[in-house]
């Protein structure tokens, strides 16, 4: 699956997908030459910038 395909499916920018790949936040990702190989069943990683609602209540 190409970055553009993941971007369209997950509604995130291509640059964000690149950063997620570089940070190994997408399981199973591999770099081949200048291209990132992303598994078709890859899930969108949890956004680490947000805390869950449970954390806010405590």
PDB file of N, CA and C in Angstrom:
ATOM      1  N   UNK A   1       0.847  -1.164   0.000  1.00  0.00           N
ATOM      2  CA  UNK A   1       0.000   0.000   0.000  1.00  0.00           C
ATOM      3  C   UNK A   1       0.901   1.238   0.000  1.00  0.00           C
ATOM      4  N   UNK A   2       0.589   2.196  -0.786  1.00  0.00           N
ATOM      5  CA  UNK A   2       1.371   3.427  -0.874  1.00  0.00           C
ATOM      6  C   UNK A   2       0.904   4.425   0.180  1.00  0.00           C
ATOM      7  N   UNK A   3       1.766   5.406   0.457  1.00  0.00           N
ATOM      8  CA  UNK A   3       1.417   6.445   1.424  1.00  0.00           C
ATOM      9  C   UNK A   3       0.141   7.165   1.008  1.00  0.00           C
ATOM     10  N   UNK A   4       0.012   7.417  -0.296  1.00  0.00           N
ATOM     11  CA  UNK A   4      -1.160   8.135  -0.776  1.00  0.00           C
ATOM     12  C   UNK A   4      -2.434   7.345  -0.488  1.00  0.00           C
ATOM     13  N   UNK A   5      -2.365   6.008  -0.601  1.00  0.00           N
ATOM     14  CA  UNK A   5      -3.526   5.180  -0.330  1.00  0.00           C
ATOM     15  C   UNK A   5      -3.910   5.257   1.141  1.00  0.00           C
ATOM     16  N   UNK A   6      -2.911   5.183   2.009  1.00  0.00           N
ATOM     17  CA  UNK A   6      -3.179   5.267   3.440  1.00  0.00           C
ATOM     18  C   UNK A   6      -3.725   6.639   3.794  1.00  0.00           C
ATOM     19  N   UNK A   7      -3.189   7.676   3.174  1.00  0.00           N
ATOM     20  CA  UNK A   7      -3.654   9.037   3.431  1.00  0.00           C
ATOM     21  C   UNK A   7      -5.133   9.165   3.107  1.00  0.00           C
ATOM     22  N   UNK A   8      -5.527   8.638   1.965  1.00  0.00           N
ATOM     23  CA  UNK A   8      -6.920   8.741   1.559  1.00  0.00           C
ATOM     24  C   UNK A   8      -7.827   7.934   2.481  1.00  0.00           C
ATOM     25  N   UNK A   9      -7.371   6.771   2.887  1.00  0.00           N
ATOM     26  CA  UNK A   9      -8.191   5.932   3.759  1.00  0.00           C
ATOM     27  C   UNK A   9      -8.306   6.507   5.160  1.00  0.00           C
ATOM     28  N   UNK A  10      -7.254   7.106   5.638  1.00  0.00           N
ATOM     29  CA  UNK A  10      -7.220   7.549   7.032  1.00  0.00           C
ATOM     30  C   UNK A  10      -7.374   9.059   7.194  1.00  0.00           C
ATOM     31  N   UNK A  11      -7.493   9.765   6.121  1.00  0.00           N
ATOM     32  CA  UNK A  11      -7.665  11.227   6.094  1.00  0.00           C
ATOM     33  C   UNK A  11      -6.586  11.963   6.893  1.00  0.00           C
ATOM     34  N   UNK A  12      -5.321  11.581   6.668  1.00  0.00           N
ATOM     35  CA  UNK A  12      -4.193  12.305   7.242  1.00  0.00           C
ATOM     36  C   UNK A  12      -3.234  12.654   6.118  1.00  0.00           C
ATOM     37  N   UNK A  13      -2.421  13.663   6.346  1.00  0.00           N
ATOM     38  CA  UNK A  13      -1.558  14.151   5.274  1.00  0.00           C
ATOM     39  C   UNK A  13      -0.436  13.167   4.954  1.00  0.00           C
ATOM     40  N   UNK A  14       0.092  13.289   3.755  1.00  0.00           N
ATOM     41  CA  UNK A  14       1.196  12.431   3.319  1.00  0.00           C
ATOM     42  C   UNK A  14       2.417  12.645   4.204  1.00  0.00           C
ATOM     43  N   UNK A  15       2.680  13.897   4.577  1.00  0.00           N
ATOM     44  CA  UNK A  15       3.827  14.194   5.433  1.00  0.00           C
ATOM     45  C   UNK A  15       3.663  13.544   6.808  1.00  0.00           C
ATOM     46  N   UNK A  16       2.454  13.545   7.331  1.00  0.00           N
ATOM     47  CA  UNK A  16       2.195  12.911   8.631  1.00  0.00           C
ATOM     48  C   UNK A  16       2.435  11.403   8.544  1.00  0.00           C
ATOM     49  N   UNK A  17       2.034  10.796   7.442  1.00  0.00           N
ATOM     50  CA  UNK A  17       2.277   9.370   7.225  1.00  0.00           C
ATOM     51  C   UNK A  17       3.780   9.101   7.202  1.00  0.00           C
ATOM     52  N   UNK A  18       4.548   9.976   6.537  1.00  0.00           N
ATOM     53  CA  UNK A  18       6.007   9.825   6.507  1.00  0.00           C
ATOM     54  C   UNK A  18       6.583   9.860   7.912  1.00  0.00           C
ATOM     55  N   UNK A  19       6.147  10.823   8.709  1.00  0.00           N
ATOM     56  CA  UNK A  19       6.650  10.944  10.078  1.00  0.00           C
ATOM     57  C   UNK A  19       6.279   9.718  10.910  1.00  0.00           C
ATOM     58  N   UNK A  20       5.064   9.220  10.757  1.00  0.00           N
ATOM     59  CA  UNK A  20       4.646   8.020  11.493  1.00  0.00           C
ATOM     60  C   UNK A  20       5.502   6.823  11.097  1.00  0.00           C
ATOM     61  N   UNK A  21       5.839   6.715   9.825  1.00  0.00           N
ATOM     62  CA  UNK A  21       6.706   5.634   9.354  1.00  0.00           C
ATOM     63  C   UNK A  21       8.106   5.780   9.933  1.00  0.00           C
ATOM     64  N   UNK A  22       8.653   7.001   9.898  1.00  0.00           N
ATOM     65  CA  UNK A  22       9.987   7.249  10.428  1.00  0.00           C
ATOM     66  C   UNK A  22      10.081   6.931  11.910  1.00  0.00           C
ATOM     67  N   UNK A  23       9.001   7.176  12.648  1.00  0.00           N
ATOM     68  CA  UNK A  23       8.973   6.946  14.091  1.00  0.00           C
ATOM     69  C   UNK A  23       8.561   5.515  14.448  1.00  0.00           C
ATOM     70  N   UNK A  24       8.373   4.659  13.431  1.00  0.00           N
ATOM     71  CA  UNK A  24       7.954   3.260  13.624  1.00  0.00           C
ATOM     72  C   UNK A  24       6.661   3.147  14.421  1.00  0.00           C
ATOM     73  N   UNK A  25       5.725   4.058  14.170  1.00  0.00           N
ATOM     74  CA  UNK A  25       4.449   4.033  14.876  1.00  0.00           C
ATOM     75  C   UNK A  25       3.390   3.260  14.116  1.00  0.00           C
ATOM     76  N   UNK A  26       3.719   2.810  12.895  1.00  0.00           N
ATOM     77  CA  UNK A  26       2.820   1.963  12.122  1.00  0.00           C
ATOM     78  C   UNK A  26       3.443   0.570  12.097  1.00  0.00           C
ATOM     79  N   UNK A  27       2.781  -0.426  12.715  1.00  0.00           N
ATOM     80  CA  UNK A  27       3.365  -1.776  12.765  1.00  0.00           C
ATOM     81  C   UNK A  27       3.527  -2.388  11.375  1.00  0.00           C
ATOM     82  N   UNK A  28       4.662  -3.034  11.153  1.00  0.00           N
ATOM     83  CA  UNK A  28       4.898  -3.740   9.901  1.00  0.00           C
ATOM     84  C   UNK A  28       5.430  -2.890   8.767  1.00  0.00           C
ATOM     85  N   UNK A  29       5.713  -1.622   9.019  1.00  0.00           N
ATOM     86  CA  UNK A  29       6.188  -0.733   7.970  1.00  0.00           C
ATOM     87  C   UNK A  29       7.659  -1.039   7.663  1.00  0.00           C
ATOM     88  N   UNK A  30       8.033  -0.890   6.393  1.00  0.00           N
ATOM     89  CA  UNK A  30       9.419  -1.122   5.973  1.00  0.00           C
ATOM     90  C   UNK A  30       9.770  -0.096   4.899  1.00  0.00           C
ATOM     91  N   UNK A  31      11.040   0.282   4.858  1.00  0.00           N
ATOM     92  CA  UNK A  31      11.484   1.243   3.849  1.00  0.00           C
ATOM     93  C   UNK A  31      12.263   0.508   2.780  1.00  0.00           C
ATOM     94  N   UNK A  32      11.874   0.713   1.538  1.00  0.00           N
ATOM     95  CA  UNK A  32      12.522   0.111   0.389  1.00  0.00           C
ATOM     96  C   UNK A  32      12.969   1.241  -0.515  1.00  0.00           C
ATOM     97  N   UNK A  33      14.276   1.471  -0.574  1.00  0.00           N
ATOM     98  CA  UNK A  33      14.847   2.590  -1.311  1.00  0.00           C
ATOM     99  C   UNK A  33      14.306   3.896  -0.719  1.00  0.00           C
ATOM    100  N   UNK A  34      13.551   4.670  -1.479  1.00  0.00           N
ATOM    101  CA  UNK A  34      12.963   5.912  -0.965  1.00  0.00           C
ATOM    102  C   UNK A  34      11.468   5.776  -0.718  1.00  0.00           C
ATOM    103  N   UNK A  35      10.961   4.555  -0.708  1.00  0.00           N
ATOM    104  CA  UNK A  35       9.531   4.323  -0.591  1.00  0.00           C
ATOM    105  C   UNK A  35       9.222   3.548   0.691  1.00  0.00           C
ATOM    106  N   UNK A  36       8.179   3.967   1.390  1.00  0.00           N
ATOM    107  CA  UNK A  36       7.731   3.243   2.571  1.00  0.00           C
ATOM    108  C   UNK A  36       6.712   2.191   2.149  1.00  0.00           C
ATOM    109  N   UNK A  37       6.892   0.972   2.638  1.00  0.00           N
ATOM    110  CA  UNK A  37       5.951  -0.113   2.381  1.00  0.00           C
ATOM    111  C   UNK A  37       5.085  -0.273   3.620  1.00  0.00           C
ATOM    112  N   UNK A  38       3.790  -0.054   3.451  1.00  0.00           N
ATOM    113  CA  UNK A  38       2.850  -0.089   4.557  1.00  0.00           C
ATOM    114  C   UNK A  38       1.890  -1.248   4.342  1.00  0.00           C
ATOM    115  N   UNK A  39       1.707  -2.123   5.340  1.00  0.00           N
ATOM    116  CA  UNK A  39       0.785  -3.249   5.179  1.00  0.00           C
ATOM    117  C   UNK A  39      -0.652  -2.771   4.935  1.00  0.00           C
ATOM    118  N   UNK A  40      -1.396  -3.535   4.178  1.00  0.00           N
ATOM    119  CA  UNK A  40      -2.779  -3.159   3.863  1.00  0.00           C
ATOM    120  C   UNK A  40      -3.660  -3.113   5.102  1.00  0.00           C
ATOM    121  N   UNK A  41      -3.354  -3.943   6.081  1.00  0.00           N
ATOM    122  CA  UNK A  41      -4.192  -3.988   7.285  1.00  0.00           C
ATOM    123  C   UNK A  41      -3.684  -3.055   8.386  1.00  0.00           C
ATOM    124  N   UNK A  42      -2.852  -2.089   8.023  1.00  0.00           N
ATOM    125  CA  UNK A  42      -2.281  -1.160   9.010  1.00  0.00           C
ATOM    126  C   UNK A  42      -3.382  -0.298   9.612  1.00  0.00           C
ATOM    127  N   UNK A  43      -3.314  -0.132  10.917  1.00  0.00           N
ATOM    128  CA  UNK A  43      -4.259   0.717  11.634  1.00  0.00           C
ATOM    129  C   UNK A  43      -3.654   2.099  11.832  1.00  0.00           C
ATOM    130  N   UNK A  44      -4.496   3.090  11.924  1.00  0.00           N
ATOM    131  CA  UNK A  44      -4.027   4.437  12.209  1.00  0.00           C
ATOM    132  C   UNK A  44      -3.570   4.463  13.670  1.00  0.00           C
ATOM    133  N   UNK A  45      -2.337   4.897  13.926  1.00  0.00           N
ATOM    134  CA  UNK A  45      -1.857   4.917  15.307  1.00  0.00           C
ATOM    135  C   UNK A  45      -2.616   5.924  16.167  1.00  0.00           C
ATOM    136  N   UNK A  46      -2.612   5.683  17.458  1.00  0.00           N
ATOM    137  CA  UNK A  46      -3.262   6.586  18.398  1.00  0.00           C
ATOM    138  C   UNK A  46      -2.475   7.888  18.442  1.00  0.00           C
ATOM    139  N   UNK A  47      -3.189   8.984  18.462  1.00  0.00           N
ATOM    140  CA  UNK A  47      -2.557  10.299  18.512  1.00  0.00           C
ATOM    141  C   UNK A  47      -2.027  10.537  19.922  1.00  0.00           C
ATOM    142  N   UNK A  48      -0.716  10.577  20.068  1.00  0.00           N
ATOM    143  CA  UNK A  48      -0.096  10.744  21.367  1.00  0.00           C
ATOM    144  C   UNK A  48      -0.225  12.139  21.940  1.00  0.00           C
ATOM    145  N   UNK A  49      -0.705  13.078  21.144  1.00  0.00           N
ATOM    146  CA  UNK A  49      -0.854  14.449  21.620  1.00  0.00           C
ATOM    147  C   UNK A  49      -2.107  14.626  22.456  1.00  0.00           C
ATOM    148  N   UNK A  50      -3.039  13.701  22.352  1.00  0.00           N
ATOM    149  CA  UNK A  50      -4.298  13.804  23.089  1.00  0.00           C
ATOM    150  C   UNK A  50      -4.333  12.789  24.214  1.00  0.00           C
ATOM    151  N   UNK A  51      -4.918  13.210  25.315  1.00  0.00           N
ATOM    152  CA  UNK A  51      -5.120  12.286  26.416  1.00  0.00           C
ATOM    153  C   UNK A  51      -6.550  11.773  26.354  1.00  0.00           C
ATOM    154  N   UNK A  52      -6.759  10.605  26.898  1.00  0.00           N
ATOM    155  CA  UNK A  52      -8.107  10.046  26.868  1.00  0.00           C
ATOM    156  C   UNK A  52      -9.005  10.803  27.842  1.00  0.00           C
ATOM    157  N   UNK A  53     -10.299  10.647  27.692  1.00  0.00           N
ATOM    158  CA  UNK A  53     -11.245  11.309  28.570  1.00  0.00           C
ATOM    159  C   UNK A  53     -11.116  10.798  30.008  1.00  0.00           C
ATOM    160  N   UNK A  54     -10.690   9.565  30.168  1.00  0.00           N
ATOM    161  CA  UNK A  54     -10.524   8.988  31.493  1.00  0.00           C
ATOM    162  C   UNK A  54      -9.464   9.758  32.263  1.00  0.00           C
ATOM    163  N   UNK A  55      -8.373  10.149  31.603  1.00  0.00           N
ATOM    164  CA  UNK A  55      -7.316  10.916  32.250  1.00  0.00           C
ATOM    165  C   UNK A  55      -7.813  12.290  32.705  1.00  0.00           C
ATOM    166  N   UNK A  56      -8.712  12.897  31.948  1.00  0.00           N
ATOM    167  CA  UNK A  56      -9.217  14.225  32.298  1.00  0.00           C
ATOM    168  C   UNK A  56     -10.096  14.188  33.541  1.00  0.00           C
ATOM    169  N   UNK A  57     -10.846  13.105  33.728  1.00  0.00           N
ATOM    170  CA  UNK A  57     -11.767  12.996  34.854  1.00  0.00           C
ATOM    171  C   UNK A  57     -11.041  12.828  36.173  1.00  0.00           C
ATOM    172  N   UNK A  58      -9.830  12.300  36.156  1.00  0.00           N
ATOM    173  CA  UNK A  58      -9.105  12.038  37.407  1.00  0.00           C
ATOM    174  C   UNK A  58      -8.454  13.252  37.980  1.00  0.00           C
TER     175      UNK A  58
END
